[in-house]
Amino acid sequence: MKLAHLADLHLGFRQFDRQTPKGANQREVDVAEVFKRAVDDLLEQKPELIVVAGDLFHSVRPTNAAILYCFRHLQRLRTGLPTTPIVVIAGEHDTPRSTETGSILRLYEALGVEIAVEAARRIVFPKLDCAVLAVPQQALASADRPALRPEPGGPTLNVLVTHGVYGGLGEERGTVEYGGAELSRELLAPEKWDYIALGHYHTAQSIATNAWYSGSLEYLPPNPWGQMQDEAELRKGKRSKAMDGKGYLLVELPGARVTPRSIPPLRRHISLEPIQGAGLNAKQLDERIAAAVGAAKIDDQIVRLLVWDVDRAVARDLDHARIREFKARALNFQLDLRRPESQRTVGGSVGAGARRQTLTETVKDFLGRRPLDAELNRETFVTRGVEYLESAASADSSA
């Protein structure tokens, strides 16, 4: 049996203040387009079972346009692959906070899609001699979590589909989303299953030969730049199944032979070669920035340029008009200026003539080094964090 494993589509996701000629958010259109391309590929590959391991939508209440778009392309799958079951579970993004709210995912049951939102479902497909245990994020996180084990005496093939955080994946670069139910090898017991389809972590990654995260179809928060580094590290480690970019997984069962299916994005994420700014004045740094941009094709792309050790005065005197030109050319241009260590910390140790960092300085230091999503301006991010801290301190002192 050939199984297709997708996850973390995040339809309806919006980013950056750029619109299409029709007035739609450009990044929302990008995310929708790669889903269409994945559906095109699925129709060519003709899997016998399709599973979506959570976060079909980016929010519990997606826009009408996202709901309709998803309906049309799921309908394409149902029409083009009429005998192929589709199983969708809810992740934390498309799980309502209240059971009274209801889930938009139920809409797709009208197409014959198998949906699991609150409770785990065991779904048997006799023609495939296969059973799927679909465990949505809410069921996995609940106190009465179901046992993640196949039922004895059932079909030959057993597949687990769930959504959560495994071990320390993504912690080093902040590439895993906050929240999510905890997973472990003991909980999942890969040896009990023919295949485990996981969602939540946005980089394709195996945790066992038959247990995989398929990753997202697009570079999405948190930290898409870190996701690119994660992927490069997997390829450097000569992982034979490392995904080249984003896509989904085709799995041959039994045996769990996994083949990544890369889906080309509508535009690229480009991380330019970092610049060492120590000792450069504003004019020299302007020239380095212009040279880095000039060596790349940034038009309509998502671009980051990291510059280390930039003095505050140098940052202030940069050619900001030229930088705005770069921002106008790219879909998004993030000039990530990092302060010298001397401006980020006050004294490495406490001794004679040294003083401890204040809480405000500690927060500035932490936020100044934290990896950021592409749409965030670091100076604004740090300023806002300090404002929240001082507001909380003021409220506490007046209480």
Protein backbone atom coordinates (compact mmCIF):
# COMPACT_ATOMS: atom_id res chain seq x y z
CA MET A 1 0.00 0.00 0.00
CA LYS A 2 1.22 3.49 -0.81
CA LEU A 3 0.47 6.12 1.85
CA ALA A 4 0.88 9.90 1.48
CA HIS A 5 1.80 11.77 4.66
CA LEU A 6 1.28 15.55 4.86
CA ALA A 7 1.15 17.92 7.83
CA ASP A 8 1.23 21.57 8.87
CA LEU A 9 -0.34 23.08 5.76
CA HIS A 10 -1.37 26.22 7.70
CA LEU A 11 -3.83 27.38 5.05
CA GLY A 12 -4.90 30.97 5.72
CA PHE A 13 -1.49 31.95 7.13
CA ARG A 14 -0.69 35.63 6.54
CA GLN A 15 2.64 37.42 6.71
CA PHE A 16 4.14 40.75 5.61
CA ASP A 17 2.24 43.77 4.39
CA ARG A 18 2.16 42.82 0.71
CA GLN A 19 -0.96 42.16 -1.33
CA THR A 20 -1.69 40.61 -4.70
CA PRO A 21 -3.36 42.70 -7.43
CA LYS A 22 -6.65 41.18 -6.23
CA GLY A 23 -6.10 42.41 -2.67
CA ALA A 24 -5.15 39.10 -1.02
CA ASN A 25 -2.19 38.75 1.33
CA GLN A 26 0.69 37.53 -0.84
CA ARG A 27 2.01 35.00 1.67
CA GLU A 28 -1.45 33.53 2.15
CA VAL A 29 -1.56 33.03 -1.61
CA ASP A 30 1.92 31.44 -1.54
CA VAL A 31 0.86 28.92 1.11
CA ALA A 32 -2.33 28.12 -0.83
CA GLU A 33 -0.38 27.63 -4.07
CA VAL A 34 2.02 25.04 -2.62
CA PHE A 35 -1.00 23.09 -1.33
CA LYS A 36 -2.39 23.10 -4.86
CA ARG A 37 0.98 21.88 -6.17
CA ALA A 38 1.00 19.11 -3.57
CA VAL A 39 -2.51 18.06 -4.66
CA ASP A 40 -1.31 18.05 -8.30
CA ASP A 41 1.52 15.71 -7.32
CA LEU A 42 -0.76 13.48 -5.25
CA LEU A 43 -3.04 13.04 -8.24
CA GLU A 44 -0.02 11.89 -10.26
CA GLN A 45 1.38 9.59 -7.54
CA LYS A 46 -2.02 7.99 -6.79
CA PRO A 47 -1.52 6.97 -3.15
CA GLU A 48 -4.03 4.52 -1.70
CA LEU A 49 -4.31 6.42 1.60
CA ILE A 50 -3.71 10.10 2.45
CA VAL A 51 -3.18 11.35 6.02
CA VAL A 52 -2.84 14.97 7.19
CA ALA A 53 -1.20 15.05 10.63
CA GLY A 54 -2.64 18.32 11.96
CA ASP A 55 -2.72 22.08 11.34
CA LEU A 56 -4.60 21.97 8.07
CA PHE A 57 -5.46 25.61 8.85
CA HIS A 58 -3.40 28.27 10.58
CA SER A 59 -6.26 29.26 12.87
CA VAL A 60 -9.47 27.89 14.33
CA ARG A 61 -11.40 30.54 12.39
CA PRO A 62 -9.79 30.73 8.93
CA THR A 63 -11.09 33.15 6.32
CA ASN A 64 -13.93 32.14 4.02
CA ALA A 65 -11.45 32.22 1.14
CA ALA A 66 -9.16 29.69 2.87
CA ILE A 67 -12.10 27.43 3.78
CA LEU A 68 -13.40 27.42 0.21
CA TYR A 69 -9.94 26.97 -1.30
CA CYS A 70 -9.32 23.92 0.88
CA PHE A 71 -12.75 22.50 -0.01
CA ARG A 72 -12.06 22.79 -3.73
CA HIS A 73 -8.72 21.00 -3.58
CA LEU A 74 -9.89 18.26 -1.24
CA GLN A 75 -12.74 17.79 -3.69
CA ARG A 76 -10.16 17.45 -6.48
CA LEU A 77 -8.57 14.62 -4.50
CA ARG A 78 -11.91 12.93 -3.85
CA THR A 79 -12.81 13.16 -7.55
CA GLY A 80 -9.39 12.21 -8.94
CA LEU A 81 -8.73 9.45 -6.37
CA PRO A 82 -12.24 8.24 -5.52
CA THR A 83 -11.10 5.06 -3.73
CA THR A 84 -8.36 6.78 -1.68
CA PRO A 85 -9.42 7.55 1.92
CA ILE A 86 -8.30 10.89 3.41
CA VAL A 87 -7.75 11.18 7.17
CA VAL A 88 -7.28 14.62 8.80
CA ILE A 89 -6.57 15.30 12.47
CA ALA A 90 -6.63 18.67 14.25
CA GLY A 91 -3.37 20.20 15.48
CA GLU A 92 -3.09 22.98 18.04
CA HIS A 93 -3.71 25.68 15.41
CA ASP A 94 -7.07 24.28 14.26
CA THR A 95 -8.25 22.99 17.65
CA PRO A 96 -10.97 25.14 19.29
CA ARG A 97 -10.25 26.24 22.86
CA SER A 98 -13.82 25.36 23.79
CA THR A 99 -15.80 22.30 22.70
CA GLU A 100 -18.78 24.64 22.25
CA THR A 101 -16.92 26.55 19.54
CA GLY A 102 -16.97 23.72 17.04
CA SER A 103 -14.43 23.02 14.33
CA ILE A 104 -14.51 24.05 10.69
CA LEU A 105 -12.80 20.74 9.88
CA ARG A 106 -16.21 19.04 10.25
CA LEU A 107 -17.23 20.73 7.01
CA TYR A 108 -15.03 18.35 5.03
CA GLU A 109 -16.88 15.29 6.26
CA ALA A 110 -19.37 16.19 3.52
CA LEU A 111 -16.64 15.20 1.05
CA GLY A 112 -16.13 11.86 2.76
CA VAL A 113 -12.95 12.98 4.57
CA GLU A 114 -12.35 11.22 7.91
CA ILE A 115 -11.93 13.91 10.60
CA ALA A 116 -10.65 13.66 14.20
CA VAL A 117 -10.88 16.87 16.26
CA GLU A 118 -11.51 16.22 19.96
CA ALA A 119 -11.30 12.45 20.46
CA ALA A 120 -9.10 9.74 19.00
CA ARG A 121 -10.68 7.62 16.26
CA ARG A 122 -9.75 4.16 15.08
CA ILE A 123 -10.71 3.92 11.42
CA VAL A 124 -10.60 0.59 9.60
CA PHE A 125 -10.26 0.36 5.82
CA PRO A 126 -11.02 -3.28 4.96
CA LYS A 127 -10.09 -2.97 1.28
CA LEU A 128 -6.63 -1.80 2.30
CA ASP A 129 -6.37 -4.31 5.17
CA CYS A 130 -5.35 -1.27 7.23
CA ALA A 131 -6.41 0.47 10.44
CA VAL A 132 -5.58 4.11 11.26
CA LEU A 133 -5.54 5.41 14.82
CA ALA A 134 -6.14 9.15 14.37
CA VAL A 135 -5.17 11.01 17.57
CA PRO A 136 -5.71 14.80 17.39
CA GLN A 137 -3.70 17.19 19.53
CA GLN A 138 -6.54 17.67 22.02
CA ALA A 139 -6.87 13.93 22.68
CA LEU A 140 -3.10 13.53 23.00
CA ALA A 141 -2.90 16.34 25.57
CA SER A 142 -5.88 15.23 27.65
CA ALA A 143 -5.63 13.51 31.04
CA ASP A 144 -7.42 10.42 29.68
CA ARG A 145 -5.14 10.09 26.66
CA PRO A 146 -5.81 6.89 24.72
CA ALA A 147 -3.25 4.10 24.62
CA LEU A 148 -1.26 4.56 21.44
CA ARG A 149 -1.24 0.92 20.48
CA PRO A 150 -2.84 -1.12 17.67
CA GLU A 151 -5.77 -3.32 18.60
CA PRO A 152 -4.90 -7.03 18.62
CA GLY A 153 -6.48 -9.20 15.98
CA GLY A 154 -7.10 -6.29 13.62
CA PRO A 155 -5.98 -5.60 10.04
CA THR A 156 -2.48 -6.45 8.84
CA LEU A 157 -1.34 -2.83 8.54
CA ASN A 158 -1.55 -0.36 11.43
CA VAL A 159 -0.88 3.38 11.12
CA LEU A 160 -0.77 6.00 13.89
CA VAL A 161 -1.41 9.66 13.01
CA THR A 162 -0.83 12.29 15.69
CA HIS A 163 0.49 15.81 16.37
CA GLY A 164 2.97 16.81 19.05
CA VAL A 165 6.52 17.61 20.23
CA TYR A 166 9.11 14.84 20.23
CA GLY A 167 12.15 15.08 22.48
CA GLY A 168 14.36 18.07 21.87
CA LEU A 169 13.66 18.48 18.16
CA GLY A 170 13.93 22.12 17.09
CA GLU A 171 15.09 23.46 20.45
CA GLU A 172 18.60 24.45 19.32
CA ARG A 173 17.42 26.98 16.72
CA GLY A 174 13.90 27.65 17.95
CA THR A 175 12.34 25.85 14.99
CA VAL A 176 9.56 24.09 16.88
CA GLU A 177 6.37 25.91 17.86
CA TYR A 178 5.58 26.58 21.48
CA GLY A 179 2.91 24.38 23.01
CA GLY A 180 1.92 21.02 21.68
CA ALA A 181 1.56 17.70 23.47
CA GLU A 182 4.73 15.89 24.52
CA LEU A 183 5.72 12.74 22.65
CA SER A 184 8.33 10.13 23.50
CA ARG A 185 9.55 6.85 22.06
CA GLU A 186 7.93 4.98 24.94
CA LEU A 187 4.58 6.65 24.27
CA LEU A 188 4.67 6.08 20.50
CA ALA A 189 6.25 2.59 20.53
CA PRO A 190 7.31 2.58 16.84
CA GLU A 191 7.95 -1.17 16.96
CA LYS A 192 4.21 -1.71 17.41
CA TRP A 193 3.24 0.18 14.25
CA ASP A 194 3.81 -0.17 10.54
CA TYR A 195 4.06 3.61 10.26
CA ILE A 196 3.68 6.69 12.49
CA ALA A 197 2.74 9.96 10.74
CA LEU A 198 3.61 13.00 12.88
CA GLY A 199 2.83 16.70 12.65
CA HIS A 200 3.94 19.88 14.49
CA TYR A 201 7.68 20.08 13.68
CA HIS A 202 8.05 21.90 10.35
CA THR A 203 11.19 20.12 9.09
CA ALA A 204 10.97 16.62 7.60
CA GLN A 205 12.65 14.38 10.15
CA SER A 206 12.57 10.72 11.15
CA ILE A 207 12.57 9.71 14.80
CA ALA A 208 12.59 6.01 13.86
CA THR A 209 12.78 4.18 10.54
CA ASN A 210 8.97 4.01 10.46
CA ALA A 211 8.11 7.24 12.34
CA TRP A 212 8.40 10.59 10.59
CA TYR A 213 7.53 14.24 10.69
CA SER A 214 6.66 15.19 7.12
CA GLY A 215 7.39 18.87 7.80
CA SER A 216 5.38 21.78 6.43
CA LEU A 217 4.80 22.56 2.75
CA GLU A 218 6.22 26.10 3.15
CA TYR A 219 8.82 27.87 5.28
CA LEU A 220 6.66 29.17 8.11
CA PRO A 221 7.26 30.44 11.64
CA PRO A 222 8.86 29.66 13.95
CA ASN A 223 12.25 30.69 12.53
CA PRO A 224 12.17 29.63 8.86
CA TRP A 225 15.88 30.48 8.63
CA GLY A 226 16.58 27.95 11.34
CA GLN A 227 14.52 25.38 9.44
CA MET A 228 16.82 25.86 6.46
CA GLN A 229 19.79 25.26 8.76
CA ASP A 230 18.12 22.15 10.21
CA GLU A 231 17.61 20.80 6.68
CA ALA A 232 21.21 21.55 5.70
CA GLU A 233 22.44 19.75 8.80
CA LEU A 234 20.36 16.68 7.95
CA ARG A 235 21.76 16.66 4.41
CA LYS A 236 25.30 17.16 5.71
CA GLY A 237 24.79 14.16 7.95
CA LYS A 238 24.09 12.19 4.77
CA ARG A 239 20.64 11.23 5.83
CA SER A 240 19.54 9.33 2.71
CA LYS A 241 15.94 10.46 3.17
CA ALA A 242 16.62 14.12 3.98
CA MET A 243 14.10 16.39 2.25
CA ASP A 244 15.46 18.82 -0.30
CA GLY A 245 13.32 21.80 0.65
CA LYS A 246 9.67 21.38 1.60
CA GLY A 247 7.12 18.76 0.60
CA TYR A 248 5.41 15.61 1.78
CA LEU A 249 6.26 11.91 2.19
CA LEU A 250 5.24 8.85 0.20
CA VAL A 251 5.45 5.65 2.24
CA GLU A 252 5.35 2.07 0.93
CA LEU A 253 3.81 -0.37 3.41
CA PRO A 254 4.69 -2.84 4.78
CA GLY A 255 8.34 -1.97 5.30
CA ALA A 256 7.92 1.81 5.70
CA ARG A 257 10.01 2.72 2.65
CA VAL A 258 9.84 6.52 2.70
CA THR A 259 10.29 8.72 -0.37
CA PRO A 260 10.28 12.52 0.11
CA ARG A 261 8.30 14.40 -2.52
CA SER A 262 9.65 17.95 -2.81
CA ILE A 263 7.11 20.63 -3.75
CA PRO A 264 8.60 23.76 -5.36
CA PRO A 265 7.68 27.00 -3.55
CA LEU A 266 6.29 30.08 -5.23
CA ARG A 267 9.29 32.10 -4.05
CA ARG A 268 12.56 31.47 -2.22
CA HIS A 269 13.84 32.26 1.24
CA ILE A 270 17.34 33.67 0.73
CA SER A 271 19.80 34.03 3.60
CA LEU A 272 22.64 36.22 2.33
CA GLU A 273 26.21 35.64 3.48
CA PRO A 274 26.55 37.26 6.94
CA ILE A 275 28.67 40.41 7.28
CA GLN A 276 31.13 41.13 10.10
CA GLY A 277 30.57 44.79 10.91
CA ALA A 278 33.29 45.28 13.55
CA GLY A 279 35.52 48.21 12.69
CA LEU A 280 33.41 49.41 9.76
CA ASN A 281 31.99 52.89 9.57
CA ALA A 282 28.53 53.55 8.13
CA LYS A 283 29.76 54.19 4.58
CA GLN A 284 31.87 51.02 4.53
CA LEU A 285 29.00 48.95 5.89
CA ASP A 286 26.62 50.46 3.32
CA GLU A 287 29.02 49.25 0.60
CA ARG A 288 29.17 45.74 2.08
CA ILE A 289 25.38 45.55 2.33
CA ALA A 290 24.95 46.78 -1.25
CA ALA A 291 27.50 44.24 -2.50
CA ALA A 292 25.76 41.37 -0.70
CA VAL A 293 22.39 42.37 -2.14
CA GLY A 294 23.85 42.96 -5.59
CA ALA A 295 25.23 39.42 -5.72
CA ALA A 296 21.77 37.88 -5.23
CA LYS A 297 18.44 37.98 -7.02
CA ILE A 298 16.25 39.40 -4.28
CA ASP A 299 13.31 40.71 -6.32
CA ASP A 300 10.00 39.34 -4.95
CA GLN A 301 11.89 36.95 -2.67
CA ILE A 302 12.08 36.69 1.14
CA VAL A 303 15.55 37.82 2.16
CA ARG A 304 17.58 38.06 5.35
CA LEU A 305 20.98 39.68 5.81
CA LEU A 306 22.62 39.19 9.20
CA VAL A 307 25.27 41.77 10.21
CA TRP A 308 27.31 41.18 13.35
CA ASP A 309 28.84 43.73 15.72
CA VAL A 310 27.21 46.91 14.46
CA ASP A 311 27.69 49.89 16.74
CA ARG A 312 24.54 51.89 17.53
CA ALA A 313 25.98 55.03 15.97
CA VAL A 314 26.90 53.14 12.79
CA ALA A 315 23.41 51.65 12.57
CA ARG A 316 21.89 55.11 12.94
CA ASP A 317 24.04 56.57 10.13
CA LEU A 318 23.41 53.85 7.54
CA ASP A 319 21.85 54.78 4.19
CA HIS A 320 18.28 53.96 5.22
CA ALA A 321 16.87 55.29 1.95
CA ARG A 322 18.89 52.64 0.10
CA ILE A 323 17.77 49.98 2.56
CA ARG A 324 14.15 50.96 1.89
CA GLU A 325 14.84 50.41 -1.81
CA PHE A 326 15.95 46.84 -1.04
CA LYS A 327 12.79 46.37 1.02
CA ALA A 328 10.68 47.59 -1.90
CA ARG A 329 12.31 45.13 -4.31
CA ALA A 330 12.01 42.02 -2.14
CA LEU A 331 8.75 40.64 -0.86
CA ASN A 332 10.46 41.08 2.49
CA PHE A 333 14.00 42.25 3.25
CA GLN A 334 15.16 41.74 6.84
CA LEU A 335 18.37 43.56 7.73
CA ASP A 336 19.20 41.92 11.05
CA LEU A 337 21.73 44.14 12.81
CA ARG A 338 23.38 42.65 15.92
CA ARG A 339 25.04 44.87 18.48
CA PRO A 340 28.61 44.29 19.69
CA GLU A 341 28.87 42.24 22.86
CA SER A 342 29.91 45.33 24.80
CA GLN A 343 26.59 46.98 23.96
CA ARG A 344 24.54 43.87 24.72
CA THR A 345 25.93 43.08 28.18
CA VAL A 346 27.31 45.14 31.01
CA GLY A 347 30.26 43.33 32.57
CA GLY A 348 30.70 39.59 32.20
CA SER A 349 31.42 39.09 35.91
CA VAL A 350 30.78 40.97 39.09
CA GLY A 351 33.90 42.31 40.74
CA ALA A 352 35.67 45.52 41.53
CA GLY A 353 34.43 48.26 39.24
CA ALA A 354 31.81 45.99 37.67
CA ARG A 355 28.08 45.90 38.28
CA ARG A 356 25.33 43.39 37.76
CA GLN A 357 23.02 43.76 34.82
CA THR A 358 19.67 45.26 35.59
CA LEU A 359 16.59 43.23 34.70
CA THR A 360 15.95 45.59 31.78
CA GLU A 361 19.49 45.04 30.47
CA THR A 362 19.12 41.28 30.83
CA VAL A 363 15.88 41.36 28.84
CA LYS A 364 17.48 43.53 26.15
CA ASP A 365 20.41 41.13 25.93
CA PHE A 366 18.16 38.07 25.64
CA LEU A 367 15.79 39.59 23.06
CA GLY A 368 18.73 40.99 21.09
CA ARG A 369 20.12 37.48 20.56
CA ARG A 370 16.90 35.50 20.15
CA PRO A 371 16.19 34.12 16.61
CA LEU A 372 13.33 36.06 15.03
CA ASP A 373 10.78 35.31 12.34
CA ALA A 374 11.39 37.18 9.12
CA GLU A 375 8.54 39.64 9.55
CA LEU A 376 9.80 40.99 12.89
CA ASN A 377 12.02 44.07 13.21
CA ARG A 378 14.58 43.39 15.94
CA GLU A 379 14.75 46.94 17.34
CA THR A 380 10.96 47.12 17.57
CA PHE A 381 10.89 43.64 19.11
CA VAL A 382 13.40 44.59 21.82
CA THR A 383 11.74 47.95 22.49
CA ARG A 384 8.32 46.36 22.86
CA GLY A 385 9.69 43.70 25.24
CA VAL A 386 11.25 46.37 27.47
CA GLU A 387 8.00 48.37 27.40
CA TYR A 388 6.05 45.30 28.58
CA LEU A 389 8.59 44.70 31.35
CA GLU A 390 8.46 48.30 32.59
CA SER A 391 4.66 48.35 32.36
CA ALA A 392 4.46 45.21 34.49
CA ALA A 393 6.93 46.66 37.01
CA SER A 394 4.94 49.87 37.21
CA ALA A 395 1.68 48.01 37.78
CA ASP A 396 3.34 45.86 40.46
CA SER A 397 4.75 48.87 42.33
CA SER A 398 1.40 50.66 42.35
CA ALA A 399 -0.53 47.60 43.54
